[in-house]
C-alpha cells in the first residue's frame, strides 16, 4: 500500500496492490520506494522473510 499522503501530491488516492507472493511483493515495494524516493518499512508478523533476501532490522528491547 502506498498512502496518497506519502506521494507528495502525485496521487489523490491510496494505492493498494493485488495479492502477490511474498518475494514479488517485497521486490515491488522496493522498486516503488526507489521510484518515489520514500523509505520502505517491512513488517513481517508471519515470518515469511527469507534469510537469503538479507537481514531485517529488529529493535532490541
N, C-alpha and C. Protein backbone atom coordinates (compact mmCIF):
# COMPACT_ATOMS: atom_id res chain seq x y z
N UNK A 1 0.84 -1.18 0.00
CA UNK A 1 0.00 0.00 0.00
C UNK A 1 0.88 1.23 0.00
N UNK A 2 0.54 2.18 -0.83
CA UNK A 2 1.20 3.48 -0.84
C UNK A 2 0.15 4.53 -0.50
N UNK A 3 0.23 5.11 0.71
CA UNK A 3 -0.74 6.14 1.07
C UNK A 3 -0.57 7.37 0.18
N UNK A 4 -1.67 7.92 -0.27
CA UNK A 4 -1.62 9.12 -1.12
C UNK A 4 -0.88 10.24 -0.41
N UNK A 5 -1.02 10.33 0.90
CA UNK A 5 -0.36 11.40 1.66
C UNK A 5 1.16 11.33 1.57
N UNK A 6 1.71 10.15 1.30
CA UNK A 6 3.16 9.99 1.21
C UNK A 6 3.70 10.31 -0.18
N UNK A 7 2.82 10.58 -1.13
CA UNK A 7 3.25 10.75 -2.53
C UNK A 7 3.58 12.19 -2.90
N UNK A 8 3.56 13.08 -1.93
CA UNK A 8 3.88 14.49 -2.17
C UNK A 8 3.00 15.09 -3.26
N UNK A 9 1.71 14.77 -3.21
CA UNK A 9 0.75 15.35 -4.14
C UNK A 9 0.63 14.66 -5.48
N UNK A 10 1.41 13.61 -5.72
CA UNK A 10 1.34 12.91 -7.01
C UNK A 10 0.14 11.99 -7.13
N UNK A 11 -0.39 11.53 -5.99
CA UNK A 11 -1.55 10.63 -6.00
C UNK A 11 -2.69 11.27 -5.22
N UNK A 12 -3.91 10.99 -5.65
CA UNK A 12 -5.07 11.51 -4.94
C UNK A 12 -5.74 10.44 -4.09
N UNK A 13 -5.43 9.17 -4.35
CA UNK A 13 -5.99 8.07 -3.56
C UNK A 13 -4.88 7.10 -3.17
N UNK A 14 -5.09 6.39 -2.08
CA UNK A 14 -4.15 5.36 -1.66
C UNK A 14 -4.06 4.29 -2.74
N UNK A 15 -2.87 3.74 -2.94
CA UNK A 15 -2.65 2.69 -3.94
C UNK A 15 -2.43 1.37 -3.21
N UNK A 16 -3.24 0.38 -3.54
CA UNK A 16 -3.14 -0.94 -2.91
C UNK A 16 -2.93 -1.97 -4.01
N UNK A 17 -1.87 -2.76 -3.88
CA UNK A 17 -1.58 -3.76 -4.91
C UNK A 17 -2.45 -4.99 -4.73
N UNK A 18 -2.47 -5.80 -5.76
CA UNK A 18 -3.15 -7.09 -5.69
C UNK A 18 -2.34 -8.04 -4.82
N UNK A 19 -2.93 -9.15 -4.43
CA UNK A 19 -2.22 -10.17 -3.67
C UNK A 19 -1.07 -10.72 -4.52
N UNK A 20 0.10 -10.84 -3.92
CA UNK A 20 1.28 -11.35 -4.60
C UNK A 20 2.03 -12.31 -3.69
N UNK A 21 2.82 -13.21 -4.26
CA UNK A 21 3.73 -14.00 -3.42
C UNK A 21 4.68 -13.05 -2.70
N UNK A 22 5.15 -13.45 -1.53
CA UNK A 22 5.96 -12.58 -0.68
C UNK A 22 7.15 -11.98 -1.43
N UNK A 23 7.91 -12.78 -2.15
CA UNK A 23 9.11 -12.28 -2.82
C UNK A 23 8.73 -11.22 -3.86
N UNK A 24 7.68 -11.43 -4.61
CA UNK A 24 7.25 -10.44 -5.61
C UNK A 24 6.76 -9.17 -4.94
N UNK A 25 6.06 -9.32 -3.82
CA UNK A 25 5.57 -8.14 -3.09
C UNK A 25 6.73 -7.31 -2.56
N UNK A 26 7.74 -7.95 -1.99
CA UNK A 26 8.89 -7.22 -1.48
C UNK A 26 9.65 -6.54 -2.61
N UNK A 27 9.84 -7.23 -3.71
CA UNK A 27 10.53 -6.63 -4.86
C UNK A 27 9.77 -5.42 -5.39
N UNK A 28 8.45 -5.55 -5.51
CA UNK A 28 7.63 -4.44 -5.99
C UNK A 28 7.67 -3.26 -5.04
N UNK A 29 7.65 -3.54 -3.75
CA UNK A 29 7.71 -2.46 -2.75
C UNK A 29 9.05 -1.73 -2.82
N UNK A 30 10.13 -2.45 -2.99
CA UNK A 30 11.44 -1.83 -3.10
C UNK A 30 11.51 -0.96 -4.35
N UNK A 31 11.01 -1.48 -5.46
CA UNK A 31 11.01 -0.73 -6.72
C UNK A 31 10.18 0.56 -6.57
N UNK A 32 9.01 0.44 -5.97
CA UNK A 32 8.14 1.61 -5.77
C UNK A 32 8.80 2.62 -4.85
N UNK A 33 9.37 2.17 -3.75
CA UNK A 33 10.03 3.08 -2.81
C UNK A 33 11.18 3.82 -3.49
N UNK A 34 11.94 3.12 -4.31
CA UNK A 34 13.03 3.78 -5.05
C UNK A 34 12.50 4.78 -6.06
N UNK A 35 11.43 4.43 -6.76
CA UNK A 35 10.86 5.31 -7.78
C UNK A 35 10.32 6.61 -7.20
N UNK A 36 9.65 6.53 -6.06
CA UNK A 36 9.04 7.73 -5.49
C UNK A 36 9.88 8.32 -4.36
N UNK A 37 11.06 7.77 -4.14
CA UNK A 37 12.01 8.28 -3.14
C UNK A 37 11.41 8.31 -1.74
N UNK A 38 10.86 7.17 -1.32
CA UNK A 38 10.29 7.02 0.01
C UNK A 38 11.00 5.91 0.76
N UNK A 39 11.01 6.03 2.07
CA UNK A 39 11.56 4.96 2.90
C UNK A 39 10.63 3.76 2.83
N UNK A 40 11.19 2.59 2.94
CA UNK A 40 10.43 1.35 2.90
C UNK A 40 10.47 0.72 4.28
N UNK A 41 9.31 0.37 4.80
CA UNK A 41 9.22 -0.31 6.09
C UNK A 41 8.61 -1.68 5.83
N UNK A 42 9.30 -2.72 6.28
CA UNK A 42 8.81 -4.08 6.11
C UNK A 42 8.33 -4.59 7.47
N UNK A 43 7.07 -4.96 7.54
CA UNK A 43 6.51 -5.59 8.73
C UNK A 43 6.24 -7.04 8.36
N UNK A 44 6.77 -7.95 9.15
CA UNK A 44 6.67 -9.37 8.81
C UNK A 44 6.18 -10.19 10.00
N UNK A 45 4.95 -9.95 10.44
CA UNK A 45 4.46 -10.68 11.62
C UNK A 45 4.30 -12.17 11.40
N UNK A 46 4.20 -12.60 10.14
CA UNK A 46 4.03 -14.03 9.85
C UNK A 46 5.34 -14.75 9.56
N UNK A 47 6.47 -14.01 9.59
CA UNK A 47 7.77 -14.64 9.40
C UNK A 47 8.02 -15.21 8.02
N UNK A 48 7.55 -14.52 6.96
CA UNK A 48 7.76 -15.03 5.61
C UNK A 48 9.08 -14.56 4.99
N UNK A 49 9.76 -13.61 5.63
CA UNK A 49 11.03 -13.11 5.12
C UNK A 49 12.06 -14.23 5.15
N UNK A 50 12.78 -14.42 4.03
CA UNK A 50 13.80 -15.46 3.95
C UNK A 50 15.18 -14.85 4.16
N UNK A 51 16.03 -15.56 4.86
CA UNK A 51 17.35 -15.02 5.20
C UNK A 51 18.19 -14.69 3.96
N UNK A 52 17.98 -15.39 2.84
CA UNK A 52 18.76 -15.10 1.64
C UNK A 52 18.39 -13.75 1.01
N UNK A 53 17.28 -13.14 1.46
CA UNK A 53 16.89 -11.82 0.97
C UNK A 53 17.64 -10.71 1.71
N UNK A 54 18.36 -11.06 2.76
CA UNK A 54 19.06 -10.07 3.58
C UNK A 54 18.50 -10.09 4.99
N UNK A 55 19.02 -9.19 5.81
CA UNK A 55 18.60 -9.13 7.20
C UNK A 55 17.57 -8.04 7.41
N UNK A 56 16.57 -8.34 8.21
CA UNK A 56 15.62 -7.32 8.64
C UNK A 56 16.09 -6.79 9.99
N UNK A 57 15.99 -5.51 10.17
CA UNK A 57 16.34 -4.89 11.43
C UNK A 57 15.28 -5.23 12.46
N UNK A 58 15.70 -5.62 13.64
CA UNK A 58 14.78 -5.86 14.73
C UNK A 58 15.30 -5.14 15.95
N UNK A 59 14.51 -4.20 16.50
CA UNK A 59 14.97 -3.47 17.69
C UNK A 59 15.14 -4.40 18.88
N UNK A 60 16.09 -4.11 19.70
CA UNK A 60 16.33 -4.89 20.91
C UNK A 60 15.74 -4.11 22.07
N UNK A 61 14.87 -4.77 22.81
CA UNK A 61 14.22 -4.11 23.97
C UNK A 61 15.14 -4.05 25.15
